[in-house]
N, C-alpha and C. Protein backbone atom coordinates (compact mmCIF):
# COMPACT_ATOMS: atom_id res chain seq x y z
N MET A 1 -38.43 208.19 49.87
CA MET A 1 -39.80 208.02 49.52
C MET A 1 -39.97 207.82 48.02
N HIS A 2 -39.09 208.43 47.27
CA HIS A 2 -39.15 208.33 45.82
C HIS A 2 -38.92 206.90 45.35
N VAL A 3 -38.01 206.16 45.96
CA VAL A 3 -37.72 204.78 45.60
C VAL A 3 -38.93 203.90 45.90
N ARG A 4 -39.53 204.14 47.05
CA ARG A 4 -40.70 203.34 47.43
C ARG A 4 -41.84 203.60 46.46
N SER A 5 -42.08 204.80 46.07
CA SER A 5 -43.16 205.12 45.15
C SER A 5 -42.87 204.52 43.78
N GLY A 6 -41.61 204.42 43.37
CA GLY A 6 -41.26 203.78 42.10
C GLY A 6 -41.51 202.28 42.16
N THR A 7 -41.25 201.66 43.29
CA THR A 7 -41.49 200.23 43.46
C THR A 7 -42.99 199.94 43.41
N VAL A 8 -43.78 200.78 44.06
CA VAL A 8 -45.23 200.60 44.05
C VAL A 8 -45.75 200.75 42.63
N THR A 9 -45.24 201.71 41.90
CA THR A 9 -45.66 201.92 40.52
C THR A 9 -45.29 200.72 39.65
N LEU A 10 -44.10 200.17 39.85
CA LEU A 10 -43.65 199.00 39.10
C LEU A 10 -44.54 197.80 39.39
N VAL A 11 -44.82 197.55 40.66
CA VAL A 11 -45.68 196.41 41.05
C VAL A 11 -47.08 196.61 40.47
N ALA A 12 -47.61 197.80 40.55
CA ALA A 12 -48.94 198.08 40.01
C ALA A 12 -48.94 197.85 38.50
N GLY A 13 -47.89 198.28 37.82
CA GLY A 13 -47.81 198.08 36.38
C GLY A 13 -47.75 196.61 36.00
N VAL A 14 -46.99 195.83 36.76
CA VAL A 14 -46.90 194.39 36.51
C VAL A 14 -48.25 193.73 36.73
N LEU A 15 -48.95 194.10 37.80
CA LEU A 15 -50.27 193.54 38.08
C LEU A 15 -51.26 193.88 36.97
N ILE A 16 -51.24 195.11 36.50
CA ILE A 16 -52.14 195.52 35.41
C ILE A 16 -51.82 194.74 34.15
N LEU A 17 -50.55 194.55 33.86
CA LEU A 17 -50.16 193.78 32.69
C LEU A 17 -50.62 192.33 32.81
N MET A 18 -50.48 191.72 34.00
CA MET A 18 -50.91 190.34 34.20
C MET A 18 -52.42 190.20 34.02
N VAL A 19 -53.18 191.14 34.55
CA VAL A 19 -54.64 191.10 34.41
C VAL A 19 -55.02 191.25 32.95
N ALA A 20 -54.35 192.13 32.23
CA ALA A 20 -54.63 192.33 30.81
C ALA A 20 -54.33 191.06 30.01
N LEU A 21 -53.23 190.38 30.32
CA LEU A 21 -52.89 189.14 29.63
C LEU A 21 -53.90 188.03 29.93
N LEU A 22 -54.31 187.94 31.18
CA LEU A 22 -55.32 186.93 31.54
C LEU A 22 -56.64 187.21 30.83
N PHE A 23 -57.03 188.46 30.76
CA PHE A 23 -58.26 188.84 30.08
C PHE A 23 -58.18 188.52 28.60
N ALA A 24 -57.04 188.85 27.98
CA ALA A 24 -56.86 188.57 26.56
C ALA A 24 -56.88 187.06 26.29
N ALA A 25 -56.29 186.28 27.16
CA ALA A 25 -56.29 184.83 26.98
C ALA A 25 -57.70 184.27 27.11
N GLY A 26 -58.48 184.82 28.03
CA GLY A 26 -59.85 184.35 28.23
C GLY A 26 -60.78 184.76 27.11
N CYS A 27 -60.43 185.77 26.36
CA CYS A 27 -61.29 186.27 25.29
C CYS A 27 -60.81 185.85 23.91
N SER A 28 -59.95 184.88 23.82
CA SER A 28 -59.39 184.52 22.53
C SER A 28 -60.40 183.87 21.61
N GLY A 29 -61.55 183.43 22.14
CA GLY A 29 -62.59 182.84 21.31
C GLY A 29 -62.41 181.34 21.09
N SER A 30 -61.28 180.80 21.44
CA SER A 30 -61.10 179.37 21.24
C SER A 30 -61.71 178.64 22.43
N THR A 31 -62.35 177.53 22.12
CA THR A 31 -62.94 176.72 23.17
C THR A 31 -62.19 175.39 23.23
N PRO A 32 -62.13 174.79 24.38
CA PRO A 32 -61.44 173.50 24.48
C PRO A 32 -62.18 172.45 23.65
N PRO A 33 -61.48 171.48 23.10
CA PRO A 33 -62.14 170.46 22.30
C PRO A 33 -63.12 169.65 23.13
N SER A 34 -64.21 169.25 22.50
CA SER A 34 -65.22 168.44 23.17
C SER A 34 -64.73 167.00 23.30
N PRO A 35 -65.07 166.34 24.40
CA PRO A 35 -64.70 164.92 24.51
C PRO A 35 -65.50 164.11 23.50
N PRO A 36 -64.98 162.96 23.08
CA PRO A 36 -65.73 162.14 22.13
C PRO A 36 -67.03 161.67 22.77
N PRO A 37 -68.06 161.46 21.96
CA PRO A 37 -69.33 161.04 22.54
C PRO A 37 -69.22 159.65 23.17
N THR A 38 -69.92 159.48 24.27
CA THR A 38 -69.96 158.19 24.96
C THR A 38 -70.99 157.32 24.26
N PRO A 39 -70.61 156.09 23.90
CA PRO A 39 -71.59 155.23 23.25
C PRO A 39 -72.80 154.99 24.14
N VAL A 40 -73.95 155.01 23.54
CA VAL A 40 -75.18 154.78 24.28
C VAL A 40 -75.63 153.35 24.01
N TYR A 41 -75.88 152.61 25.06
CA TYR A 41 -76.35 151.24 24.93
C TYR A 41 -77.85 151.22 25.12
N THR A 42 -78.55 150.72 24.14
CA THR A 42 -80.00 150.64 24.24
C THR A 42 -80.43 149.18 24.14
N PRO A 43 -81.53 148.84 24.77
CA PRO A 43 -82.00 147.45 24.69
C PRO A 43 -82.31 147.03 23.25
N GLN A 44 -82.60 147.99 22.38
CA GLN A 44 -82.93 147.66 21.00
C GLN A 44 -81.73 147.25 20.17
N THR A 45 -80.52 147.59 20.61
CA THR A 45 -79.34 147.31 19.80
C THR A 45 -78.19 146.67 20.59
N THR A 46 -78.41 146.30 21.84
CA THR A 46 -77.33 145.74 22.66
C THR A 46 -77.67 144.33 23.11
N ILE A 47 -76.69 143.44 22.97
CA ILE A 47 -76.81 142.06 23.44
C ILE A 47 -75.84 141.91 24.60
N LEU A 48 -76.36 141.52 25.75
CA LEU A 48 -75.54 141.34 26.95
C LEU A 48 -75.05 139.91 27.02
N ILE A 49 -73.75 139.74 27.23
CA ILE A 49 -73.14 138.42 27.33
C ILE A 49 -72.93 138.10 28.80
N GLY A 50 -73.48 136.96 29.23
CA GLY A 50 -73.30 136.49 30.60
C GLY A 50 -72.74 135.07 30.59
N SER A 51 -72.50 134.51 31.75
CA SER A 51 -71.92 133.18 31.82
C SER A 51 -72.88 132.09 31.35
N ALA A 52 -74.19 132.35 31.43
CA ALA A 52 -75.17 131.34 31.04
C ALA A 52 -75.74 131.56 29.64
N GLY A 53 -75.37 132.64 28.98
CA GLY A 53 -75.90 132.90 27.64
C GLY A 53 -75.95 134.38 27.34
N VAL A 54 -76.79 134.73 26.36
CA VAL A 54 -76.92 136.12 25.95
C VAL A 54 -78.35 136.59 26.20
N ASN A 55 -78.52 137.89 26.30
CA ASN A 55 -79.82 138.50 26.48
C ASN A 55 -79.90 139.76 25.64
N PRO A 56 -80.81 139.82 24.69
CA PRO A 56 -81.79 138.81 24.29
C PRO A 56 -81.16 137.74 23.41
N GLN A 57 -81.82 136.58 23.34
CA GLN A 57 -81.30 135.51 22.49
C GLN A 57 -81.64 135.77 21.03
N ILE A 58 -82.74 136.46 20.77
CA ILE A 58 -83.12 136.84 19.41
C ILE A 58 -83.31 138.35 19.40
N LEU A 59 -82.59 139.02 18.50
CA LEU A 59 -82.68 140.48 18.37
C LEU A 59 -83.07 140.78 16.93
N VAL A 60 -84.13 141.58 16.76
CA VAL A 60 -84.59 141.98 15.43
C VAL A 60 -84.24 143.45 15.24
N VAL A 61 -83.50 143.74 14.14
CA VAL A 61 -83.08 145.11 13.85
C VAL A 61 -83.33 145.42 12.38
N SER A 62 -83.27 146.68 12.05
CA SER A 62 -83.37 147.11 10.66
C SER A 62 -82.00 147.08 10.00
N ARG A 63 -81.98 146.97 8.69
CA ARG A 63 -80.72 147.01 7.94
C ARG A 63 -80.03 148.34 8.21
N GLY A 64 -78.72 148.29 8.40
CA GLY A 64 -77.94 149.50 8.67
C GLY A 64 -77.74 149.79 10.15
N VAL A 65 -78.34 149.00 11.01
CA VAL A 65 -78.22 149.20 12.46
C VAL A 65 -76.93 148.56 12.96
N THR A 66 -76.28 149.22 13.91
CA THR A 66 -75.09 148.69 14.56
C THR A 66 -75.52 148.01 15.85
N VAL A 67 -75.16 146.74 15.99
CA VAL A 67 -75.48 145.96 17.18
C VAL A 67 -74.21 145.89 18.04
N THR A 68 -74.41 146.00 19.34
CA THR A 68 -73.30 145.94 20.30
C THR A 68 -73.44 144.71 21.17
N TRP A 69 -72.36 143.94 21.27
CA TRP A 69 -72.27 142.84 22.24
C TRP A 69 -71.46 143.37 23.40
N LEU A 70 -72.00 143.30 24.61
CA LEU A 70 -71.33 143.81 25.81
C LEU A 70 -71.11 142.64 26.77
N ASN A 71 -69.85 142.36 27.07
CA ASN A 71 -69.51 141.23 27.94
C ASN A 71 -69.63 141.63 29.41
N LEU A 72 -70.62 141.06 30.09
CA LEU A 72 -70.79 141.29 31.52
C LEU A 72 -70.25 140.13 32.35
N ASP A 73 -69.75 139.11 31.67
CA ASP A 73 -69.22 137.91 32.32
C ASP A 73 -67.77 138.15 32.75
N MET A 74 -67.31 137.38 33.72
CA MET A 74 -65.92 137.49 34.17
C MET A 74 -64.96 136.82 33.18
N GLY A 75 -65.48 135.92 32.34
CA GLY A 75 -64.65 135.23 31.36
C GLY A 75 -64.45 136.05 30.09
N VAL A 76 -63.49 135.63 29.30
CA VAL A 76 -63.21 136.27 28.01
C VAL A 76 -63.97 135.50 26.94
N HIS A 77 -64.64 136.22 26.04
CA HIS A 77 -65.43 135.59 24.99
C HIS A 77 -65.10 136.20 23.64
N ILE A 78 -65.12 135.35 22.61
CA ILE A 78 -65.01 135.79 21.22
C ILE A 78 -66.33 135.43 20.57
N ILE A 79 -67.02 136.43 20.06
CA ILE A 79 -68.30 136.23 19.40
C ILE A 79 -68.06 136.16 17.90
N THR A 80 -68.60 135.11 17.26
CA THR A 80 -68.40 134.94 15.82
C THR A 80 -69.70 134.48 15.16
N SER A 81 -69.87 134.88 13.92
CA SER A 81 -71.07 134.48 13.18
C SER A 81 -70.98 133.02 12.78
N ASP A 82 -72.16 132.42 12.59
CA ASP A 82 -72.21 131.03 12.14
C ASP A 82 -71.77 130.96 10.67
N ALA A 83 -71.38 129.79 10.23
CA ALA A 83 -70.79 129.61 8.90
C ALA A 83 -71.69 130.06 7.75
N ALA A 84 -72.99 129.86 7.83
CA ALA A 84 -73.88 130.14 6.70
C ALA A 84 -74.45 131.55 6.71
N ASP A 85 -73.96 132.43 7.56
CA ASP A 85 -74.52 133.78 7.65
C ASP A 85 -74.25 134.58 6.38
N PRO A 86 -75.16 135.52 6.06
CA PRO A 86 -74.98 136.35 4.86
C PRO A 86 -73.72 137.22 4.90
N ASP A 87 -73.27 137.63 6.07
CA ASP A 87 -72.08 138.47 6.22
C ASP A 87 -71.36 138.03 7.49
N ALA A 88 -70.10 137.65 7.38
CA ALA A 88 -69.37 137.09 8.51
C ALA A 88 -68.81 138.19 9.42
N PHE A 89 -68.76 137.90 10.72
CA PHE A 89 -68.14 138.80 11.68
C PHE A 89 -67.52 137.99 12.80
N THR A 90 -66.47 138.52 13.39
CA THR A 90 -65.82 137.91 14.55
C THR A 90 -65.26 139.02 15.42
N SER A 91 -65.57 138.96 16.70
CA SER A 91 -65.09 139.97 17.63
C SER A 91 -63.66 139.65 18.06
N PRO A 92 -62.96 140.63 18.56
CA PRO A 92 -61.70 140.33 19.25
C PRO A 92 -62.06 139.72 20.61
N PRO A 93 -61.09 139.20 21.36
CA PRO A 93 -61.41 138.69 22.71
C PRO A 93 -62.02 139.81 23.56
N LEU A 94 -63.19 139.53 24.11
CA LEU A 94 -63.90 140.52 24.92
C LEU A 94 -63.74 140.17 26.40
N THR A 95 -63.05 141.03 27.13
CA THR A 95 -62.93 140.85 28.57
C THR A 95 -64.13 141.52 29.24
N THR A 96 -64.22 141.43 30.53
CA THR A 96 -65.34 142.00 31.28
C THR A 96 -65.53 143.48 30.95
N ASN A 97 -66.77 143.86 30.65
CA ASN A 97 -67.19 145.23 30.35
C ASN A 97 -66.66 145.76 29.02
N HIS A 98 -66.13 144.89 28.17
CA HIS A 98 -65.71 145.33 26.85
C HIS A 98 -66.79 144.98 25.84
N ARG A 99 -66.78 145.71 24.73
CA ARG A 99 -67.85 145.56 23.75
C ARG A 99 -67.31 145.34 22.35
N TYR A 100 -68.17 144.80 21.52
CA TYR A 100 -67.88 144.63 20.10
C TYR A 100 -69.11 145.11 19.35
N GLN A 101 -68.86 145.83 18.25
CA GLN A 101 -69.97 146.34 17.45
C GLN A 101 -69.85 145.86 16.01
N PHE A 102 -71.00 145.57 15.41
CA PHE A 102 -71.05 145.17 14.01
C PHE A 102 -72.27 145.81 13.39
N THR A 103 -72.08 146.43 12.22
CA THR A 103 -73.18 147.06 11.50
C THR A 103 -73.69 146.08 10.45
N PHE A 104 -74.96 145.76 10.53
CA PHE A 104 -75.60 144.82 9.62
C PHE A 104 -76.13 145.56 8.40
N THR A 105 -75.54 145.29 7.25
CA THR A 105 -75.94 145.97 6.01
C THR A 105 -76.68 145.05 5.05
N ILE A 106 -76.69 143.75 5.34
CA ILE A 106 -77.35 142.78 4.48
C ILE A 106 -78.51 142.15 5.24
N VAL A 107 -79.70 142.19 4.64
CA VAL A 107 -80.88 141.59 5.24
C VAL A 107 -80.68 140.09 5.36
N GLY A 108 -81.09 139.51 6.47
CA GLY A 108 -80.97 138.07 6.66
C GLY A 108 -81.00 137.69 8.11
N THR A 109 -80.81 136.42 8.36
CA THR A 109 -80.78 135.88 9.72
C THR A 109 -79.35 135.47 10.04
N TYR A 110 -78.87 135.96 11.14
CA TYR A 110 -77.48 135.74 11.55
C TYR A 110 -77.45 134.98 12.86
N GLY A 111 -76.98 133.76 12.82
CA GLY A 111 -76.70 133.03 14.04
C GLY A 111 -75.29 133.37 14.48
N TYR A 112 -75.07 133.40 15.77
CA TYR A 112 -73.71 133.67 16.27
C TYR A 112 -73.51 132.86 17.55
N HIS A 113 -72.25 132.72 17.94
CA HIS A 113 -71.92 131.94 19.13
C HIS A 113 -70.59 132.42 19.70
N SER A 114 -70.32 132.00 20.93
CA SER A 114 -69.03 132.26 21.55
C SER A 114 -68.13 131.08 21.22
N THR A 115 -66.91 131.36 20.80
CA THR A 115 -66.01 130.28 20.39
C THR A 115 -65.58 129.40 21.56
N ASP A 116 -65.71 129.91 22.80
CA ASP A 116 -65.24 129.16 23.96
C ASP A 116 -66.36 128.54 24.80
N ASN A 117 -67.61 128.89 24.51
CA ASN A 117 -68.71 128.40 25.33
C ASN A 117 -69.94 128.17 24.45
N PRO A 118 -70.31 126.93 24.15
CA PRO A 118 -71.41 126.65 23.23
C PRO A 118 -72.78 127.09 23.74
N THR A 119 -72.92 127.36 25.03
CA THR A 119 -74.21 127.83 25.53
C THR A 119 -74.43 129.31 25.26
N ILE A 120 -73.38 130.01 24.89
CA ILE A 120 -73.49 131.44 24.57
C ILE A 120 -73.71 131.54 23.07
N LYS A 121 -74.99 131.67 22.68
CA LYS A 121 -75.34 131.76 21.28
C LYS A 121 -76.66 132.51 21.13
N GLY A 122 -76.87 133.03 19.95
CA GLY A 122 -78.10 133.78 19.71
C GLY A 122 -78.29 134.04 18.24
N THR A 123 -79.29 134.87 17.94
CA THR A 123 -79.65 135.17 16.56
C THR A 123 -79.96 136.64 16.41
N VAL A 124 -79.46 137.25 15.34
CA VAL A 124 -79.84 138.61 14.97
C VAL A 124 -80.59 138.49 13.64
N ILE A 125 -81.81 139.03 13.60
CA ILE A 125 -82.61 139.04 12.38
C ILE A 125 -82.59 140.46 11.85
N VAL A 126 -82.10 140.61 10.62
CA VAL A 126 -82.00 141.95 10.00
C VAL A 126 -83.09 142.04 8.94
N GLN A 127 -83.95 143.04 9.09
CA GLN A 127 -85.08 143.23 8.16
C GLN A 127 -84.82 144.39 7.22
């Protein structure tokens, strides 16, 4: 009986130790890192790219605003500013559901187009 009681005491001690370790780990005060914020697409700052063109074709924003081009078309598009724009920009190849962002810091009118499809073009007016 003495051996059995020693085994029970050992098992009970191990269980108490495990509970204490789990409690200490849960109370360490450290929190898991937060995931990065998900970009929010708003009609005021997002231009949707489709097979027939962009929507909206003219977007008016304030200086310092970041505009997002979001490709909803099945084709790959590269969006680039027109030659006479105050500040040049060119996106990488945008596949379906990929986006490109550009922050406009200079007031002016920016024409842009898709390098592969002349019907995909528009204007951003920065005030």
